């Protein structure tokens, strides 16, 4: 398998969850909130990261379009994201991606996180959920180091 799979290649996948995952990355990179939200079902759930974190103090995720819109504004909108997909495993109505995300924040601060994300589509091909596995504490340490704290 190559070191990096271009998301554009996966956008043409015949597997709906793999295609939706790639489009989600593309629309986040392009800062296209409307297209990104349209990928998700009305009652979709995002857990990013899975569990309790400052991004999700109750650890229940963000459910529904309004919550996903707030998630976008809080997490995606402030930076510029670049995705490097290393592995992608479509299976049934889900897809697991092993990848790295580099987020360039205001002040040209770069933070990279390695993660695994699971995407599931509903029968209509819309994303029912996305669960991302990564360490908020590790990212927080990287951010502090990048800011010189």
C-alpha atoms as a PDB file:
ATOM      1  CA  UNK A   1       0.000   0.000   0.000  1.00  0.00           C
ATOM      2  CA  UNK A   2       1.371   3.495  -0.796  1.00  0.00           C
ATOM      3  CA  UNK A   3       2.504   5.840   1.965  1.00  0.00           C
ATOM      4  CA  UNK A   4      -0.384   8.172   1.179  1.00  0.00           C
ATOM      5  CA  UNK A   5      -3.687   7.590  -0.569  1.00  0.00           C
ATOM      6  CA  UNK A   6      -4.961  10.792  -2.107  1.00  0.00           C
ATOM      7  CA  UNK A   7      -8.491  11.516  -0.845  1.00  0.00           C
ATOM      8  CA  UNK A   8      -9.428  12.359  -4.459  1.00  0.00           C
ATOM      9  CA  UNK A   9      -8.802   8.722  -5.422  1.00  0.00           C
ATOM     10  CA  UNK A  10     -11.164   7.491  -2.703  1.00  0.00           C
ATOM     11  CA  UNK A  11     -13.828   9.990  -3.774  1.00  0.00           C
ATOM     12  CA  UNK A  12     -14.397   7.703  -6.779  1.00  0.00           C
ATOM     13  CA  UNK A  13     -14.660   4.538  -4.704  1.00  0.00           C
ATOM     14  CA  UNK A  14     -17.669   2.317  -5.353  1.00  0.00           C
ATOM     15  CA  UNK A  15     -17.945   1.850  -1.591  1.00  0.00           C
ATOM     16  CA  UNK A  16     -20.363   4.491  -0.181  1.00  0.00           C
ATOM     17  CA  UNK A  17     -18.708   4.876   3.235  1.00  0.00           C
ATOM     18  CA  UNK A  18     -15.222   5.135   1.743  1.00  0.00           C
ATOM     19  CA  UNK A  19     -16.430   7.725  -0.762  1.00  0.00           C
ATOM     20  CA  UNK A  20     -18.255   9.734   1.940  1.00  0.00           C
ATOM     21  CA  UNK A  21     -15.177   9.659   4.191  1.00  0.00           C
ATOM     22  CA  UNK A  22     -13.003  11.013   1.384  1.00  0.00           C
ATOM     23  CA  UNK A  23     -15.521  13.718   0.542  1.00  0.00           C
ATOM     24  CA  UNK A  24     -15.710  14.704   4.198  1.00  0.00           C
ATOM     25  CA  UNK A  25     -11.932  15.252   4.183  1.00  0.00           C
ATOM     26  CA  UNK A  26     -12.107  17.182   0.925  1.00  0.00           C
ATOM     27  CA  UNK A  27     -14.901  19.495   2.041  1.00  0.00           C
ATOM     28  CA  UNK A  28     -13.186  20.181   5.364  1.00  0.00           C
ATOM     29  CA  UNK A  29      -9.950  21.008   3.510  1.00  0.00           C
ATOM     30  CA  UNK A  30     -11.839  23.275   1.120  1.00  0.00           C
ATOM     31  CA  UNK A  31     -13.686  24.869   4.052  1.00  0.00           C
ATOM     32  CA  UNK A  32     -17.011  24.012   2.407  1.00  0.00           C
ATOM     33  CA  UNK A  33     -19.303  23.733   5.408  1.00  0.00           C
ATOM     34  CA  UNK A  34     -22.543  23.342   3.416  1.00  0.00           C
ATOM     35  CA  UNK A  35     -21.212  20.431   1.339  1.00  0.00           C
ATOM     36  CA  UNK A  36     -19.676  18.825   4.443  1.00  0.00           C
ATOM     37  CA  UNK A  37     -22.947  19.046   6.389  1.00  0.00           C
ATOM     38  CA  UNK A  38     -24.891  17.660   3.408  1.00  0.00           C
ATOM     39  CA  UNK A  39     -22.873  14.422   3.632  1.00  0.00           C
ATOM     40  CA  UNK A  40     -24.417  13.682   7.022  1.00  0.00           C
ATOM     41  CA  UNK A  41     -27.868  12.305   7.867  1.00  0.00           C
ATOM     42  CA  UNK A  42     -30.174  14.578   9.879  1.00  0.00           C
ATOM     43  CA  UNK A  43     -29.565  12.564  13.076  1.00  0.00           C
ATOM     44  CA  UNK A  44     -25.866  11.835  12.432  1.00  0.00           C
ATOM     45  CA  UNK A  45     -23.379  11.512  15.269  1.00  0.00           C
ATOM     46  CA  UNK A  46     -19.774  12.710  15.349  1.00  0.00           C
ATOM     47  CA  UNK A  47     -17.453  11.581  18.126  1.00  0.00           C
ATOM     48  CA  UNK A  48     -14.168  13.383  17.498  1.00  0.00           C
ATOM     49  CA  UNK A  49     -12.363  12.296  19.579  1.00  0.00           C
ATOM     50  CA  UNK A  50     -14.298   9.377  21.035  1.00  0.00           C
ATOM     51  CA  UNK A  51     -14.958   9.937  24.748  1.00  0.00           C
ATOM     52  CA  UNK A  52     -14.719  12.876  27.103  1.00  0.00           C
ATOM     53  CA  UNK A  53     -12.576  15.825  25.984  1.00  0.00           C
ATOM     54  CA  UNK A  54     -12.770  19.621  26.043  1.00  0.00           C
ATOM     55  CA  UNK A  55     -14.441  19.294  22.618  1.00  0.00           C
ATOM     56  CA  UNK A  56     -17.128  17.030  24.139  1.00  0.00           C
ATOM     57  CA  UNK A  57     -17.243  17.379  27.954  1.00  0.00           C
ATOM     58  CA  UNK A  58     -19.996  14.740  28.366  1.00  0.00           C
ATOM     59  CA  UNK A  59     -18.368  12.299  25.947  1.00  0.00           C
ATOM     60  CA  UNK A  60     -21.635  11.706  24.075  1.00  0.00           C
ATOM     61  CA  UNK A  61     -20.611  13.153  20.744  1.00  0.00           C
ATOM     62  CA  UNK A  62     -22.334  15.747  18.588  1.00  0.00           C
ATOM     63  CA  UNK A  63     -25.702  14.568  17.230  1.00  0.00           C
ATOM     64  CA  UNK A  64     -27.870  16.206  14.586  1.00  0.00           C
ATOM     65  CA  UNK A  65     -27.284  18.938  12.023  1.00  0.00           C
ATOM     66  CA  UNK A  66     -27.256  21.812  14.512  1.00  0.00           C
ATOM     67  CA  UNK A  67     -24.683  20.072  16.703  1.00  0.00           C
ATOM     68  CA  UNK A  68     -22.588  19.161  13.651  1.00  0.00           C
ATOM     69  CA  UNK A  69     -22.727  22.784  12.514  1.00  0.00           C
ATOM     70  CA  UNK A  70     -21.453  23.907  15.934  1.00  0.00           C
ATOM     71  CA  UNK A  71     -18.735  21.233  15.768  1.00  0.00           C
ATOM     72  CA  UNK A  72     -17.639  22.627  12.392  1.00  0.00           C
ATOM     73  CA  UNK A  73     -17.502  26.171  13.788  1.00  0.00           C
ATOM     74  CA  UNK A  74     -15.535  25.064  16.863  1.00  0.00           C
ATOM     75  CA  UNK A  75     -13.131  22.493  15.370  1.00  0.00           C
ATOM     76  CA  UNK A  76     -12.866  22.780  11.594  1.00  0.00           C
ATOM     77  CA  UNK A  77     -13.430  26.468  10.816  1.00  0.00           C
ATOM     78  CA  UNK A  78     -10.533  27.950  12.841  1.00  0.00           C
ATOM     79  CA  UNK A  79      -7.803  26.163  10.884  1.00  0.00           C
ATOM     80  CA  UNK A  80      -6.752  24.826   7.528  1.00  0.00           C
ATOM     81  CA  UNK A  81      -6.727  21.054   7.430  1.00  0.00           C
ATOM     82  CA  UNK A  82      -4.635  18.771   5.275  1.00  0.00           C
ATOM     83  CA  UNK A  83      -5.339  15.044   5.270  1.00  0.00           C
ATOM     84  CA  UNK A  84      -2.896  12.213   4.570  1.00  0.00           C
ATOM     85  CA  UNK A  85      -4.731   8.903   4.359  1.00  0.00           C
ATOM     86  CA  UNK A  86      -2.300   5.999   4.832  1.00  0.00           C
ATOM     87  CA  UNK A  87      -4.757   3.097   4.861  1.00  0.00           C
ATOM     88  CA  UNK A  88      -8.456   2.697   4.104  1.00  0.00           C
ATOM     89  CA  UNK A  89     -10.550  -0.373   4.863  1.00  0.00           C
ATOM     90  CA  UNK A  90     -14.128  -0.422   3.562  1.00  0.00           C
ATOM     91  CA  UNK A  91     -16.356  -3.157   4.974  1.00  0.00           C
ATOM     92  CA  UNK A  92     -20.160  -3.557   4.907  1.00  0.00           C
ATOM     93  CA  UNK A  93     -21.610  -0.038   5.395  1.00  0.00           C
ATOM     94  CA  UNK A  94     -18.511   1.303   7.161  1.00  0.00           C
ATOM     95  CA  UNK A  95     -14.982   2.389   6.389  1.00  0.00           C
ATOM     96  CA  UNK A  96     -11.971   2.719   8.681  1.00  0.00           C
ATOM     97  CA  UNK A  97      -9.238   5.145   7.687  1.00  0.00           C
ATOM     98  CA  UNK A  98      -5.759   5.338   9.213  1.00  0.00           C
ATOM     99  CA  UNK A  99      -4.478   8.811   8.566  1.00  0.00           C
ATOM    100  CA  UNK A 100      -2.734  11.968   9.687  1.00  0.00           C
ATOM    101  CA  UNK A 101      -4.259  15.392   9.879  1.00  0.00           C
ATOM    102  CA  UNK A 102      -2.218  18.571   9.878  1.00  0.00           C
ATOM    103  CA  UNK A 103      -4.161  21.596  11.029  1.00  0.00           C
ATOM    104  CA  UNK A 104      -2.675  25.020  10.359  1.00  0.00           C
ATOM    105  CA  UNK A 105      -4.101  27.383  12.938  1.00  0.00           C
ATOM    106  CA  UNK A 106      -4.015  31.185  13.058  1.00  0.00           C
ATOM    107  CA  UNK A 107      -0.456  32.476  13.434  1.00  0.00           C
ATOM    108  CA  UNK A 108       0.819  29.736  11.093  1.00  0.00           C
ATOM    109  CA  UNK A 109       0.858  27.167  13.931  1.00  0.00           C
ATOM    110  CA  UNK A 110       0.935  23.595  12.611  1.00  0.00           C
ATOM    111  CA  UNK A 111      -0.329  20.649  14.650  1.00  0.00           C
ATOM    112  CA  UNK A 112      -0.336  17.092  13.289  1.00  0.00           C
ATOM    113  CA  UNK A 113      -2.320  14.229  14.778  1.00  0.00           C
ATOM    114  CA  UNK A 114      -2.342  10.566  13.776  1.00  0.00           C
ATOM    115  CA  UNK A 115      -5.722   8.912  14.056  1.00  0.00           C
ATOM    116  CA  UNK A 116      -8.153   6.232  13.027  1.00  0.00           C
ATOM    117  CA  UNK A 117     -11.641   7.243  11.949  1.00  0.00           C
ATOM    118  CA  UNK A 118     -14.643   5.005  11.425  1.00  0.00           C
ATOM    119  CA  UNK A 119     -17.368   6.195   9.044  1.00  0.00           C
ATOM    120  CA  UNK A 120     -20.781   4.526   8.698  1.00  0.00           C
ATOM    121  CA  UNK A 121     -23.382   5.352   6.071  1.00  0.00           C
ATOM    122  CA  UNK A 122     -27.127   4.832   6.308  1.00  0.00           C
ATOM    123  CA  UNK A 123     -29.166   3.134   3.531  1.00  0.00           C
ATOM    124  CA  UNK A 124     -29.413   6.506   1.726  1.00  0.00           C
ATOM    125  CA  UNK A 125     -25.611   6.761   1.550  1.00  0.00           C
ATOM    126  CA  UNK A 126     -25.401   9.619   4.044  1.00  0.00           C
ATOM    127  CA  UNK A 127     -23.027   9.449   6.966  1.00  0.00           C
ATOM    128  CA  UNK A 128     -24.785   8.111  10.057  1.00  0.00           C
ATOM    129  CA  UNK A 129     -21.730   8.533  12.221  1.00  0.00           C
ATOM    130  CA  UNK A 130     -18.042   9.276  12.323  1.00  0.00           C
ATOM    131  CA  UNK A 131     -15.932   8.159  15.274  1.00  0.00           C
ATOM    132  CA  UNK A 132     -12.352   9.419  15.481  1.00  0.00           C
ATOM    133  CA  UNK A 133      -9.767   7.789  17.726  1.00  0.00           C
ATOM    134  CA  UNK A 134      -6.962  10.130  18.795  1.00  0.00           C
ATOM    135  CA  UNK A 135      -5.538  11.576  21.993  1.00  0.00           C
ATOM    136  CA  UNK A 136      -6.674  15.077  22.890  1.00  0.00           C
ATOM    137  CA  UNK A 137      -3.907  15.249  25.536  1.00  0.00           C
ATOM    138  CA  UNK A 138      -1.231  14.490  22.919  1.00  0.00           C
ATOM    139  CA  UNK A 139      -2.558  17.187  20.595  1.00  0.00           C
ATOM    140  CA  UNK A 140      -2.720  19.650  23.470  1.00  0.00           C
ATOM    141  CA  UNK A 141       0.972  18.971  24.221  1.00  0.00           C
ATOM    142  CA  UNK A 142       1.894  19.440  20.548  1.00  0.00           C
ATOM    143  CA  UNK A 143      -0.032  22.718  20.481  1.00  0.00           C
ATOM    144  CA  UNK A 144       1.736  23.984  23.608  1.00  0.00           C
ATOM    145  CA  UNK A 145       5.108  23.065  22.090  1.00  0.00           C
ATOM    146  CA  UNK A 146       4.230  24.799  18.810  1.00  0.00           C
ATOM    147  CA  UNK A 147       3.227  27.936  20.695  1.00  0.00           C
ATOM    148  CA  UNK A 148       6.396  27.835  22.814  1.00  0.00           C
ATOM    149  CA  UNK A 149       4.661  27.224  26.158  1.00  0.00           C
END
